[in-house]
N, C-alpha and C. Protein backbone atom coordinates (compact mmCIF):
# COMPACT_ATOMS: atom_id res chain seq x y z
N UNK A 1 -132.14 5.16 -48.01
CA UNK A 1 -130.82 5.23 -48.53
C UNK A 1 -130.77 5.92 -49.89
N UNK A 2 -129.75 6.71 -50.11
CA UNK A 2 -129.67 7.41 -51.36
C UNK A 2 -129.45 6.44 -52.56
N UNK A 3 -130.00 6.81 -53.66
CA UNK A 3 -129.82 6.00 -54.90
C UNK A 3 -128.35 6.04 -55.33
N UNK A 4 -127.80 4.98 -55.88
CA UNK A 4 -126.39 4.98 -56.35
C UNK A 4 -126.08 6.11 -57.32
N UNK A 5 -127.07 6.58 -58.06
CA UNK A 5 -126.83 7.68 -59.05
C UNK A 5 -126.43 8.96 -58.32
N UNK A 6 -126.74 9.06 -57.03
CA UNK A 6 -126.40 10.29 -56.25
C UNK A 6 -125.03 10.20 -55.64
N UNK A 7 -124.42 8.97 -55.70
CA UNK A 7 -123.09 8.79 -55.14
C UNK A 7 -122.10 9.51 -56.00
N UNK A 8 -121.06 10.09 -55.39
CA UNK A 8 -119.98 10.60 -56.18
C UNK A 8 -119.32 9.43 -56.91
N UNK A 9 -119.11 9.49 -58.26
CA UNK A 9 -118.59 8.35 -59.01
C UNK A 9 -117.07 8.24 -58.82
N UNK A 10 -116.55 7.07 -59.21
CA UNK A 10 -115.13 6.90 -59.09
C UNK A 10 -114.35 7.97 -59.90
N UNK A 11 -114.92 8.35 -61.01
CA UNK A 11 -114.24 9.38 -61.82
C UNK A 11 -114.03 10.68 -61.05
N UNK A 12 -114.87 10.96 -60.11
CA UNK A 12 -114.73 12.18 -59.28
C UNK A 12 -113.35 12.13 -58.54
N UNK A 13 -112.97 11.00 -58.03
CA UNK A 13 -111.75 10.82 -57.26
C UNK A 13 -110.54 10.60 -58.12
N UNK A 14 -110.73 10.20 -59.39
CA UNK A 14 -109.58 9.89 -60.26
C UNK A 14 -109.06 11.12 -60.88
N UNK A 15 -108.78 12.18 -60.12
CA UNK A 15 -108.29 13.47 -60.60
C UNK A 15 -107.21 13.95 -59.63
N UNK A 16 -106.62 15.03 -59.95
CA UNK A 16 -105.63 15.68 -59.10
C UNK A 16 -106.23 15.85 -57.68
N UNK A 17 -105.53 15.38 -56.63
CA UNK A 17 -106.11 15.42 -55.31
C UNK A 17 -106.41 16.81 -54.78
N UNK A 18 -105.75 17.83 -55.33
CA UNK A 18 -106.06 19.21 -54.93
C UNK A 18 -107.46 19.55 -55.33
N UNK A 19 -107.84 19.16 -56.50
CA UNK A 19 -109.18 19.46 -57.04
C UNK A 19 -110.22 18.65 -56.25
N UNK A 20 -109.87 17.35 -56.01
CA UNK A 20 -110.78 16.50 -55.22
C UNK A 20 -110.99 17.09 -53.83
N UNK A 21 -109.94 17.47 -53.14
CA UNK A 21 -110.04 18.02 -51.82
C UNK A 21 -110.89 19.26 -51.75
N UNK A 22 -110.74 20.12 -52.77
CA UNK A 22 -111.52 21.34 -52.85
C UNK A 22 -112.98 21.05 -53.00
N UNK A 23 -113.31 20.14 -53.99
CA UNK A 23 -114.72 19.86 -54.28
C UNK A 23 -115.39 18.92 -53.28
N UNK A 24 -114.64 18.27 -52.41
CA UNK A 24 -115.29 17.46 -51.37
C UNK A 24 -115.96 18.30 -50.34
N UNK A 25 -115.58 19.58 -50.23
CA UNK A 25 -116.23 20.48 -49.21
C UNK A 25 -117.70 20.59 -49.55
N UNK A 26 -118.54 20.34 -48.53
CA UNK A 26 -119.96 20.41 -48.68
C UNK A 26 -120.64 19.13 -49.12
N UNK A 27 -119.83 18.09 -49.47
CA UNK A 27 -120.40 16.80 -49.80
C UNK A 27 -120.62 16.00 -48.54
N UNK A 28 -121.54 15.12 -48.58
CA UNK A 28 -121.94 14.33 -47.41
C UNK A 28 -121.40 12.90 -47.40
N UNK A 29 -120.65 12.54 -46.39
CA UNK A 29 -120.13 11.22 -46.17
C UNK A 29 -121.21 10.32 -45.51
N UNK A 30 -121.40 9.17 -46.09
CA UNK A 30 -122.47 8.25 -45.59
C UNK A 30 -121.83 6.91 -45.32
N UNK A 31 -122.10 6.36 -44.13
CA UNK A 31 -121.70 5.01 -43.78
C UNK A 31 -122.91 4.19 -43.38
N UNK A 32 -122.96 2.96 -43.90
CA UNK A 32 -124.06 2.05 -43.58
C UNK A 32 -123.46 0.71 -43.22
N UNK A 33 -123.60 0.31 -42.00
CA UNK A 33 -123.10 -0.97 -41.54
C UNK A 33 -123.91 -1.50 -40.31
N UNK A 34 -123.39 -2.50 -39.63
CA UNK A 34 -124.15 -3.05 -38.54
C UNK A 34 -124.38 -2.03 -37.42
N UNK A 35 -123.58 -0.93 -37.46
CA UNK A 35 -123.76 0.09 -36.41
C UNK A 35 -124.80 1.14 -36.82
N UNK A 36 -125.42 0.97 -37.96
CA UNK A 36 -126.45 1.90 -38.41
C UNK A 36 -125.91 2.84 -39.47
N UNK A 37 -126.76 3.76 -39.85
CA UNK A 37 -126.33 4.78 -40.85
C UNK A 37 -125.86 6.01 -40.12
N UNK A 38 -124.68 6.53 -40.60
CA UNK A 38 -124.15 7.80 -40.10
C UNK A 38 -123.87 8.72 -41.24
N UNK A 39 -124.27 9.97 -41.16
CA UNK A 39 -124.11 10.91 -42.26
C UNK A 39 -123.46 12.22 -41.72
N UNK A 40 -122.48 12.72 -42.42
CA UNK A 40 -121.88 13.99 -42.03
C UNK A 40 -121.33 14.73 -43.27
N UNK A 41 -121.44 16.04 -43.19
CA UNK A 41 -120.99 16.87 -44.29
C UNK A 41 -119.49 17.30 -44.11
N UNK A 42 -118.70 17.07 -45.13
CA UNK A 42 -117.29 17.39 -45.10
C UNK A 42 -117.05 18.87 -45.07
N UNK A 43 -116.29 19.38 -44.11
CA UNK A 43 -116.05 20.84 -43.98
C UNK A 43 -114.53 21.17 -44.08
N UNK A 44 -113.65 20.18 -44.03
CA UNK A 44 -112.21 20.47 -44.11
C UNK A 44 -111.49 19.24 -44.64
N UNK A 45 -110.53 19.47 -45.55
CA UNK A 45 -109.76 18.40 -46.16
C UNK A 45 -108.36 18.82 -46.35
N UNK A 46 -107.52 17.81 -46.65
CA UNK A 46 -106.09 18.09 -47.03
C UNK A 46 -105.73 17.23 -48.22
N UNK A 47 -104.96 17.78 -49.14
CA UNK A 47 -104.49 16.97 -50.30
C UNK A 47 -103.04 16.55 -50.04
N UNK A 48 -102.73 15.31 -50.43
CA UNK A 48 -101.41 14.73 -50.36
C UNK A 48 -100.97 14.22 -51.75
N UNK A 49 -99.84 14.73 -52.23
CA UNK A 49 -99.53 14.73 -53.68
C UNK A 49 -98.54 13.64 -54.10
N UNK A 50 -98.39 12.58 -53.31
CA UNK A 50 -97.56 11.47 -53.79
C UNK A 50 -96.12 11.49 -53.32
N UNK A 51 -95.28 10.63 -53.94
CA UNK A 51 -93.93 10.45 -53.42
C UNK A 51 -93.07 11.71 -53.32
N UNK A 52 -93.31 12.74 -54.11
CA UNK A 52 -92.55 13.94 -54.03
C UNK A 52 -92.96 14.81 -52.87
N UNK A 53 -94.18 14.58 -52.31
CA UNK A 53 -94.73 15.34 -51.20
C UNK A 53 -94.13 14.78 -49.90
N UNK A 54 -93.29 15.56 -49.29
CA UNK A 54 -92.56 15.05 -48.07
C UNK A 54 -93.49 14.97 -46.85
N UNK A 55 -94.76 15.36 -46.92
CA UNK A 55 -95.67 15.16 -45.85
C UNK A 55 -96.55 13.94 -46.10
N UNK A 56 -96.45 13.34 -47.27
CA UNK A 56 -97.34 12.14 -47.65
C UNK A 56 -96.71 10.86 -47.18
N UNK A 57 -97.54 9.92 -46.75
CA UNK A 57 -97.05 8.59 -46.37
C UNK A 57 -96.37 7.92 -47.58
N UNK A 58 -96.78 8.31 -48.78
CA UNK A 58 -96.28 7.63 -49.97
C UNK A 58 -94.87 8.11 -50.36
N UNK A 59 -94.35 9.05 -49.59
CA UNK A 59 -92.97 9.52 -49.90
C UNK A 59 -91.96 8.45 -49.87
N UNK A 60 -92.22 7.38 -49.17
CA UNK A 60 -91.27 6.27 -49.05
C UNK A 60 -91.56 5.16 -50.04
N UNK A 61 -92.48 5.45 -50.98
CA UNK A 61 -92.82 4.49 -51.97
C UNK A 61 -93.84 3.46 -51.52
N UNK A 62 -93.95 2.34 -52.27
CA UNK A 62 -94.93 1.35 -51.96
C UNK A 62 -94.47 0.47 -50.78
N UNK A 63 -95.31 0.47 -49.75
CA UNK A 63 -94.99 -0.42 -48.57
C UNK A 63 -96.32 -1.13 -48.26
N UNK A 64 -96.25 -2.06 -47.30
CA UNK A 64 -97.49 -2.68 -46.89
C UNK A 64 -98.54 -1.69 -46.43
N UNK A 65 -98.08 -0.64 -45.75
CA UNK A 65 -98.98 0.38 -45.22
C UNK A 65 -99.55 1.26 -46.35
N UNK A 66 -98.77 1.60 -47.35
CA UNK A 66 -99.14 2.62 -48.33
C UNK A 66 -99.64 2.01 -49.66
N UNK A 67 -99.68 0.68 -49.81
CA UNK A 67 -100.01 0.07 -51.02
C UNK A 67 -101.40 0.58 -51.58
N UNK A 68 -102.29 0.75 -50.66
CA UNK A 68 -103.64 1.30 -51.12
C UNK A 68 -103.52 2.66 -51.77
N UNK A 69 -102.58 3.51 -51.33
CA UNK A 69 -102.47 4.86 -51.86
C UNK A 69 -102.05 4.78 -53.34
N UNK A 70 -101.36 3.70 -53.74
CA UNK A 70 -100.95 3.59 -55.15
C UNK A 70 -101.95 2.77 -56.00
N UNK A 71 -103.08 2.44 -55.39
CA UNK A 71 -104.10 1.66 -56.06
C UNK A 71 -105.09 2.59 -56.76
N UNK A 72 -106.22 2.03 -57.22
CA UNK A 72 -107.19 2.83 -57.92
C UNK A 72 -107.86 3.86 -57.00
N UNK A 73 -108.35 4.92 -57.58
CA UNK A 73 -109.00 5.95 -56.85
C UNK A 73 -110.37 5.55 -56.29
N UNK A 74 -110.79 6.23 -55.24
CA UNK A 74 -112.12 5.96 -54.71
C UNK A 74 -112.17 4.84 -53.63
N UNK A 75 -111.04 4.58 -53.02
CA UNK A 75 -111.03 3.62 -51.91
C UNK A 75 -110.47 4.31 -50.62
N UNK A 76 -110.96 3.80 -49.48
CA UNK A 76 -110.57 4.39 -48.22
C UNK A 76 -109.16 3.91 -47.80
N UNK A 77 -108.36 4.81 -47.29
CA UNK A 77 -107.06 4.51 -46.70
C UNK A 77 -107.15 4.97 -45.26
N UNK A 78 -107.13 4.04 -44.34
CA UNK A 78 -107.29 4.36 -42.92
C UNK A 78 -105.98 4.03 -42.18
N UNK A 79 -105.48 4.94 -41.35
CA UNK A 79 -104.25 4.65 -40.57
C UNK A 79 -104.43 5.23 -39.14
N UNK A 80 -103.57 4.74 -38.24
CA UNK A 80 -103.57 5.18 -36.89
C UNK A 80 -102.46 6.26 -36.69
N UNK A 81 -102.77 7.30 -35.91
CA UNK A 81 -101.73 8.26 -35.48
C UNK A 81 -101.58 8.11 -33.98
N UNK A 82 -100.29 8.12 -33.56
CA UNK A 82 -99.95 7.97 -32.12
C UNK A 82 -100.46 6.60 -31.56
N UNK A 83 -100.81 5.72 -32.44
CA UNK A 83 -101.36 4.42 -31.95
C UNK A 83 -102.70 4.50 -31.35
N UNK A 84 -103.38 5.67 -31.52
CA UNK A 84 -104.68 5.88 -30.82
C UNK A 84 -105.79 6.32 -31.72
N UNK A 85 -105.52 7.19 -32.68
CA UNK A 85 -106.58 7.82 -33.41
C UNK A 85 -106.53 7.42 -34.89
N UNK A 86 -107.69 6.98 -35.42
CA UNK A 86 -107.79 6.66 -36.80
C UNK A 86 -107.95 7.92 -37.66
N UNK A 87 -107.48 7.91 -38.82
CA UNK A 87 -107.62 9.01 -39.80
C UNK A 87 -108.12 8.38 -41.11
N UNK A 88 -109.03 9.07 -41.84
CA UNK A 88 -109.58 8.54 -43.08
C UNK A 88 -109.12 9.36 -44.26
N UNK A 89 -108.67 8.72 -45.25
CA UNK A 89 -108.30 9.34 -46.52
C UNK A 89 -109.08 8.64 -47.63
N UNK A 90 -109.30 9.32 -48.72
CA UNK A 90 -109.81 8.70 -49.97
C UNK A 90 -108.70 8.77 -50.99
N UNK A 91 -108.33 7.62 -51.52
CA UNK A 91 -107.30 7.56 -52.56
C UNK A 91 -107.81 8.33 -53.82
N UNK A 92 -106.94 9.16 -54.35
CA UNK A 92 -107.33 10.02 -55.44
C UNK A 92 -106.28 9.96 -56.57
N UNK A 93 -106.59 10.59 -57.71
CA UNK A 93 -105.59 10.62 -58.76
C UNK A 93 -105.62 9.34 -59.60
N UNK A 94 -104.58 9.19 -60.37
CA UNK A 94 -104.38 8.04 -61.25
C UNK A 94 -103.75 6.89 -60.44
N UNK A 95 -104.14 5.64 -60.77
CA UNK A 95 -103.48 4.53 -60.12
C UNK A 95 -101.95 4.55 -60.33
N UNK A 96 -101.26 4.39 -59.21
CA UNK A 96 -99.80 4.48 -59.26
C UNK A 96 -99.29 5.81 -58.80
N UNK A 97 -100.10 6.84 -58.64
CA UNK A 97 -99.68 8.17 -58.20
C UNK A 97 -99.33 8.24 -56.72
N UNK A 98 -100.00 7.41 -55.90
CA UNK A 98 -99.73 7.47 -54.43
C UNK A 98 -100.33 8.73 -53.79
N UNK A 99 -101.40 9.20 -54.34
CA UNK A 99 -102.02 10.49 -53.85
C UNK A 99 -103.36 10.18 -53.16
N UNK A 100 -103.74 11.10 -52.24
CA UNK A 100 -104.94 10.88 -51.45
C UNK A 100 -105.45 12.19 -50.84
N UNK A 101 -106.65 12.19 -50.33
CA UNK A 101 -107.22 13.32 -49.66
C UNK A 101 -107.63 12.88 -48.24
N UNK A 102 -107.13 13.62 -47.29
CA UNK A 102 -107.51 13.39 -45.84
C UNK A 102 -108.79 14.15 -45.54
N UNK A 103 -109.72 13.43 -44.88
CA UNK A 103 -110.92 14.12 -44.39
C UNK A 103 -110.64 14.62 -42.95
N UNK A 104 -110.54 15.96 -42.83
CA UNK A 104 -110.09 16.54 -41.58
C UNK A 104 -111.19 16.82 -40.60
N UNK A 105 -112.33 17.25 -41.13
CA UNK A 105 -113.42 17.63 -40.24
C UNK A 105 -114.76 17.55 -40.94
N UNK A 106 -115.84 17.38 -40.20
CA UNK A 106 -117.16 17.28 -40.76
C UNK A 106 -118.19 17.77 -39.78
N UNK A 107 -119.42 17.90 -40.26
CA UNK A 107 -120.56 18.35 -39.48
C UNK A 107 -121.67 17.26 -39.61
N UNK A 108 -122.17 16.82 -38.48
CA UNK A 108 -123.26 15.85 -38.48
C UNK A 108 -124.40 16.34 -39.32
N UNK A 109 -125.07 15.44 -40.03
CA UNK A 109 -126.23 15.83 -40.80
C UNK A 109 -127.33 16.39 -39.92
N UNK A 110 -127.42 15.87 -38.70
CA UNK A 110 -128.30 16.43 -37.70
C UNK A 110 -127.43 17.01 -36.55
N UNK A 111 -127.65 18.18 -36.07
CA UNK A 111 -126.83 18.78 -35.03
C UNK A 111 -126.92 18.02 -33.70
N UNK A 112 -127.95 17.21 -33.57
CA UNK A 112 -128.12 16.44 -32.31
C UNK A 112 -127.60 14.98 -32.44
N UNK A 113 -126.94 14.69 -33.52
CA UNK A 113 -126.60 13.28 -33.80
C UNK A 113 -125.41 12.77 -33.00
N UNK A 114 -124.47 13.56 -32.69
CA UNK A 114 -123.29 13.02 -31.98
C UNK A 114 -122.22 14.03 -31.60
N UNK A 115 -121.05 13.61 -31.18
CA UNK A 115 -119.99 14.51 -30.69
C UNK A 115 -119.33 15.26 -31.85
N UNK A 116 -118.40 16.19 -31.47
CA UNK A 116 -117.74 16.95 -32.46
C UNK A 116 -116.89 16.08 -33.43
N UNK A 117 -116.91 16.51 -34.67
CA UNK A 117 -116.12 15.89 -35.73
C UNK A 117 -115.03 16.77 -36.22
N UNK A 118 -114.55 17.60 -35.33
CA UNK A 118 -113.52 18.61 -35.65
C UNK A 118 -112.13 18.04 -35.45
N UNK A 119 -111.49 17.73 -36.56
CA UNK A 119 -110.18 17.04 -36.54
C UNK A 119 -110.35 15.61 -37.03
N UNK A 120 -109.33 15.09 -37.74
CA UNK A 120 -109.49 13.77 -38.32
C UNK A 120 -109.66 12.62 -37.36
N UNK A 121 -109.06 12.66 -36.17
CA UNK A 121 -109.27 11.65 -35.17
C UNK A 121 -110.67 11.68 -34.64
N UNK A 122 -111.20 12.84 -34.35
CA UNK A 122 -112.56 12.96 -33.88
C UNK A 122 -113.57 12.57 -34.89
N UNK A 123 -113.29 12.92 -36.14
CA UNK A 123 -114.15 12.48 -37.26
C UNK A 123 -114.31 11.00 -37.31
N UNK A 124 -113.21 10.31 -37.26
CA UNK A 124 -113.30 8.84 -37.29
C UNK A 124 -113.90 8.26 -36.03
N UNK A 125 -113.62 8.83 -34.89
CA UNK A 125 -114.14 8.26 -33.66
C UNK A 125 -115.66 8.49 -33.60
N UNK A 126 -116.11 9.74 -34.00
CA UNK A 126 -117.54 10.06 -33.96
C UNK A 126 -118.35 9.23 -34.91
N UNK A 127 -117.75 8.88 -36.10
CA UNK A 127 -118.44 8.12 -37.09
C UNK A 127 -118.21 6.62 -37.04
N UNK A 128 -117.48 6.19 -36.02
CA UNK A 128 -117.14 4.77 -35.89
C UNK A 128 -116.37 4.23 -37.03
N UNK A 129 -115.39 4.96 -37.52
CA UNK A 129 -114.51 4.50 -38.60
C UNK A 129 -113.24 3.97 -38.02
N UNK A 130 -112.89 2.74 -38.32
CA UNK A 130 -111.69 2.13 -37.83
C UNK A 130 -111.00 1.36 -38.97
N UNK A 131 -109.99 0.56 -38.62
CA UNK A 131 -109.23 -0.15 -39.65
C UNK A 131 -110.07 -1.12 -40.47
N UNK A 132 -111.26 -1.47 -39.98
CA UNK A 132 -112.16 -2.34 -40.74
C UNK A 132 -112.53 -1.70 -42.10
N UNK A 133 -112.42 -0.35 -42.15
CA UNK A 133 -112.80 0.37 -43.37
C UNK A 133 -111.54 0.54 -44.28
N UNK A 134 -110.39 0.15 -43.85
CA UNK A 134 -109.22 0.29 -44.70
C UNK A 134 -109.40 -0.52 -45.99
N UNK A 135 -109.32 0.11 -47.10
CA UNK A 135 -109.50 -0.54 -48.42
C UNK A 135 -110.95 -0.55 -48.82
N UNK A 136 -111.90 -0.02 -48.06
CA UNK A 136 -113.27 -0.06 -48.44
C UNK A 136 -113.53 0.76 -49.66
N UNK A 137 -114.48 0.34 -50.47
CA UNK A 137 -114.87 1.04 -51.68
C UNK A 137 -115.72 2.22 -51.26
N UNK A 138 -115.33 3.45 -51.60
CA UNK A 138 -116.02 4.71 -51.23
C UNK A 138 -117.10 5.05 -52.25
N UNK A 139 -117.43 4.11 -53.13
CA UNK A 139 -118.44 4.31 -54.11
C UNK A 139 -119.48 3.17 -54.05
N UNK A 140 -119.72 2.73 -52.77
CA UNK A 140 -120.57 1.57 -52.57
C UNK A 140 -121.69 1.93 -51.58
N UNK A 141 -122.71 1.06 -51.41
CA UNK A 141 -123.80 1.35 -50.45
C UNK A 141 -123.27 1.45 -49.01
N UNK A 142 -122.22 0.72 -48.66
CA UNK A 142 -121.70 0.78 -47.32
C UNK A 142 -121.03 2.09 -47.02
N UNK A 143 -120.30 2.59 -47.97
CA UNK A 143 -119.48 3.77 -47.83
C UNK A 143 -119.56 4.60 -49.08
N UNK A 144 -120.06 5.82 -49.01
CA UNK A 144 -120.11 6.68 -50.19
C UNK A 144 -120.26 8.15 -49.83
N UNK A 145 -120.10 8.99 -50.79
CA UNK A 145 -120.30 10.42 -50.60
C UNK A 145 -121.41 10.90 -51.53
N UNK A 146 -122.26 11.70 -51.03
CA UNK A 146 -123.36 12.28 -51.78
C UNK A 146 -122.97 13.60 -52.45
N UNK A 147 -123.38 13.78 -53.69
CA UNK A 147 -123.08 15.02 -54.38
C UNK A 147 -123.83 16.18 -53.73
N UNK A 148 -123.33 17.39 -54.00
CA UNK A 148 -123.97 18.63 -53.53
C UNK A 148 -123.47 19.76 -54.37
N UNK A 149 -124.18 20.85 -54.46
CA UNK A 149 -123.70 21.99 -55.30
C UNK A 149 -122.30 22.52 -54.81
N UNK A 150 -121.53 22.95 -55.76
CA UNK A 150 -120.20 23.49 -55.45
C UNK A 150 -120.30 24.75 -54.61
N UNK A 151 -119.39 24.97 -53.71
CA UNK A 151 -119.38 26.16 -52.91
C UNK A 151 -118.82 27.33 -53.68
N UNK A 152 -119.25 28.54 -53.41
CA UNK A 152 -118.70 29.73 -54.02
C UNK A 152 -117.28 29.87 -53.53
N UNK A 153 -116.37 30.44 -54.37
CA UNK A 153 -114.96 30.58 -53.96
C UNK A 153 -114.76 31.36 -52.72
N UNK A 154 -115.59 32.40 -52.42
CA UNK A 154 -115.43 33.21 -51.21
C UNK A 154 -115.83 32.43 -49.92
N UNK A 155 -116.48 31.28 -50.11
CA UNK A 155 -116.85 30.42 -48.96
C UNK A 155 -115.71 29.48 -48.54
N UNK A 156 -114.63 29.53 -49.23
CA UNK A 156 -113.54 28.53 -48.99
C UNK A 156 -112.24 29.23 -48.62
N UNK A 157 -111.58 28.68 -47.63
CA UNK A 157 -110.20 29.12 -47.31
C UNK A 157 -109.21 28.02 -47.58
N UNK A 158 -108.04 28.45 -48.04
CA UNK A 158 -106.96 27.48 -48.38
C UNK A 158 -105.73 27.88 -47.59
N UNK A 159 -105.07 26.93 -47.00
CA UNK A 159 -103.88 27.23 -46.23
C UNK A 159 -102.98 26.02 -46.05
N UNK A 160 -101.90 26.08 -45.28
CA UNK A 160 -101.02 24.93 -45.10
C UNK A 160 -101.68 23.82 -44.29
N UNK A 161 -101.19 22.64 -44.51
CA UNK A 161 -101.72 21.47 -43.74
C UNK A 161 -101.23 21.51 -42.33
N UNK A 162 -101.88 20.71 -41.49
CA UNK A 162 -101.64 20.73 -40.04
C UNK A 162 -100.69 19.60 -39.63
N UNK A 163 -99.75 19.93 -38.70
CA UNK A 163 -98.94 18.85 -38.11
C UNK A 163 -97.86 18.31 -39.11
N UNK A 164 -97.43 19.02 -40.08
CA UNK A 164 -96.43 18.49 -41.01
C UNK A 164 -95.23 19.37 -41.04
N UNK A 165 -94.79 19.88 -39.88
CA UNK A 165 -93.64 20.77 -39.82
C UNK A 165 -92.35 20.08 -40.26
N UNK A 166 -92.28 18.73 -40.23
CA UNK A 166 -91.14 17.95 -40.64
C UNK A 166 -90.90 17.92 -42.10
N UNK A 167 -91.86 18.47 -42.86
CA UNK A 167 -91.85 18.23 -44.37
C UNK A 167 -91.18 19.32 -45.17
N UNK A 168 -90.36 20.14 -44.50
CA UNK A 168 -89.61 21.16 -45.26
C UNK A 168 -90.53 22.18 -45.96
N UNK A 169 -90.27 22.47 -47.19
CA UNK A 169 -91.08 23.43 -47.91
C UNK A 169 -92.52 23.00 -48.05
N UNK A 170 -92.73 21.69 -48.03
CA UNK A 170 -94.08 21.14 -48.12
C UNK A 170 -94.97 21.46 -46.93
N UNK A 171 -94.32 21.86 -45.82
CA UNK A 171 -95.10 22.23 -44.61
C UNK A 171 -95.94 23.48 -44.78
N UNK A 172 -95.49 24.35 -45.73
CA UNK A 172 -96.20 25.60 -45.95
C UNK A 172 -97.00 25.55 -47.29
N UNK A 173 -96.98 24.48 -47.98
CA UNK A 173 -97.75 24.35 -49.20
C UNK A 173 -99.27 24.55 -48.95
N UNK A 174 -99.96 25.35 -49.68
CA UNK A 174 -101.42 25.55 -49.48
C UNK A 174 -102.28 24.44 -49.92
N UNK A 175 -102.32 23.36 -49.11
CA UNK A 175 -103.00 22.14 -49.50
C UNK A 175 -104.08 21.76 -48.51
N UNK A 176 -104.49 22.66 -47.66
CA UNK A 176 -105.62 22.41 -46.69
C UNK A 176 -106.77 23.27 -47.19
N UNK A 177 -107.99 22.69 -47.25
CA UNK A 177 -109.16 23.37 -47.76
C UNK A 177 -110.26 23.31 -46.70
N UNK A 178 -110.93 24.40 -46.46
CA UNK A 178 -111.94 24.45 -45.38
C UNK A 178 -113.06 25.40 -45.75
N UNK A 179 -114.25 25.08 -45.26
CA UNK A 179 -115.35 26.00 -45.40
C UNK A 179 -115.12 27.18 -44.44
N UNK A 180 -115.07 28.36 -44.96
CA UNK A 180 -114.69 29.56 -44.16
C UNK A 180 -115.64 29.75 -43.02
N UNK A 181 -115.07 29.92 -41.82
CA UNK A 181 -115.79 30.27 -40.56
C UNK A 181 -116.76 29.17 -40.11
N UNK A 182 -116.56 27.93 -40.61
CA UNK A 182 -117.39 26.83 -40.11
C UNK A 182 -116.93 26.46 -38.70
N UNK A 183 -117.84 26.25 -37.77
CA UNK A 183 -117.41 25.97 -36.36
C UNK A 183 -116.76 24.64 -36.20
N UNK A 184 -116.86 23.73 -37.13
CA UNK A 184 -116.21 22.44 -36.95
C UNK A 184 -114.83 22.36 -37.60
N UNK A 185 -114.41 23.41 -38.31
CA UNK A 185 -113.05 23.44 -38.87
C UNK A 185 -112.04 23.30 -37.75
N UNK A 186 -111.04 22.43 -37.91
CA UNK A 186 -110.16 22.13 -36.82
C UNK A 186 -109.16 23.21 -36.46
N UNK A 187 -108.78 24.03 -37.39
CA UNK A 187 -107.92 25.22 -37.08
C UNK A 187 -108.69 26.48 -37.47
N UNK A 188 -109.00 27.31 -36.51
CA UNK A 188 -109.80 28.48 -36.77
C UNK A 188 -109.04 29.57 -37.41
N UNK A 189 -109.75 30.51 -38.04
CA UNK A 189 -109.05 31.71 -38.71
C UNK A 189 -108.18 32.38 -37.67
N UNK A 190 -107.00 32.81 -38.18
CA UNK A 190 -106.05 33.52 -37.30
C UNK A 190 -105.07 32.64 -36.62
N UNK A 191 -105.26 31.33 -36.70
CA UNK A 191 -104.38 30.35 -35.97
C UNK A 191 -103.47 29.60 -36.92
N UNK A 192 -103.48 29.96 -38.21
CA UNK A 192 -102.55 29.32 -39.13
C UNK A 192 -102.14 30.38 -40.17
N UNK A 193 -100.93 30.16 -40.71
CA UNK A 193 -100.40 31.17 -41.65
C UNK A 193 -100.81 30.75 -43.13
N UNK A 194 -100.62 31.69 -44.00
CA UNK A 194 -100.78 31.47 -45.43
C UNK A 194 -102.16 31.09 -45.85
N UNK A 195 -103.16 31.49 -45.07
CA UNK A 195 -104.53 31.20 -45.37
C UNK A 195 -104.96 32.20 -46.42
N UNK A 196 -105.79 31.69 -47.41
CA UNK A 196 -106.24 32.64 -48.42
C UNK A 196 -107.59 32.14 -48.96
N UNK A 197 -108.27 33.02 -49.69
CA UNK A 197 -109.56 32.67 -50.27
C UNK A 197 -109.30 31.80 -51.48
N UNK A 198 -110.35 30.97 -51.80
CA UNK A 198 -110.30 30.15 -53.00
C UNK A 198 -110.64 30.99 -54.22
N UNK A 199 -111.07 32.20 -54.04
CA UNK A 199 -111.41 33.04 -55.22
C UNK A 199 -110.27 33.12 -56.17
N UNK A 200 -110.49 32.82 -57.43
CA UNK A 200 -109.44 32.89 -58.41
C UNK A 200 -108.56 31.62 -58.46
N UNK A 201 -108.89 30.64 -57.69
CA UNK A 201 -108.03 29.41 -57.70
C UNK A 201 -108.18 28.77 -59.08
N UNK A 202 -107.08 28.43 -59.67
CA UNK A 202 -107.07 27.68 -60.90
C UNK A 202 -107.22 26.21 -60.60
N UNK A 203 -107.95 25.55 -61.50
CA UNK A 203 -108.09 24.08 -61.37
C UNK A 203 -106.72 23.44 -61.52
N UNK A 204 -106.32 22.58 -60.60
CA UNK A 204 -105.08 21.82 -60.71
C UNK A 204 -105.20 20.92 -61.90
N UNK A 205 -104.12 20.67 -62.60
CA UNK A 205 -104.10 19.75 -63.74
C UNK A 205 -103.25 18.55 -63.46
């Protein structure tokens, strides 16, 4: 097991979720529980920017479902879509912001380790992530992310999030981040609009 000093610290997540989403690319998600250890490298993320973001669950304020999003950074927020598929987010930003980063796709640490992790539902299914992880500390031995060198800007594509057509202008906001040309990215090049390179991207503040 990796030493705690290699875990991404809580301060990593306590920042603008756009910056967190960008820098999570290439980091390794690790789970340790009774089902064993599972490791996968994050290759696609989405940022959700709080109550003003019409695609974010937190747009309706604090509810029983979204209370975690308004809590401290570095905790898992797990929810079901269509009553079938779990999705995993890491709460980001300052406590009270209601912001988070969705983990959209990953690559097994070993190519022979398991099924595709392309898409947030497949990621959770493949890694055995369910509601038991809702509220879990993502800076702990049971659940954490390992640091890795930052990717070069030309290795990253930025585009609109997936499945948020209901969100008005927010549907086209460039808040999805992916490793360019990675086979596990859930939406391949040419299948989404407004995609661009991360080269020249300014750090969100």
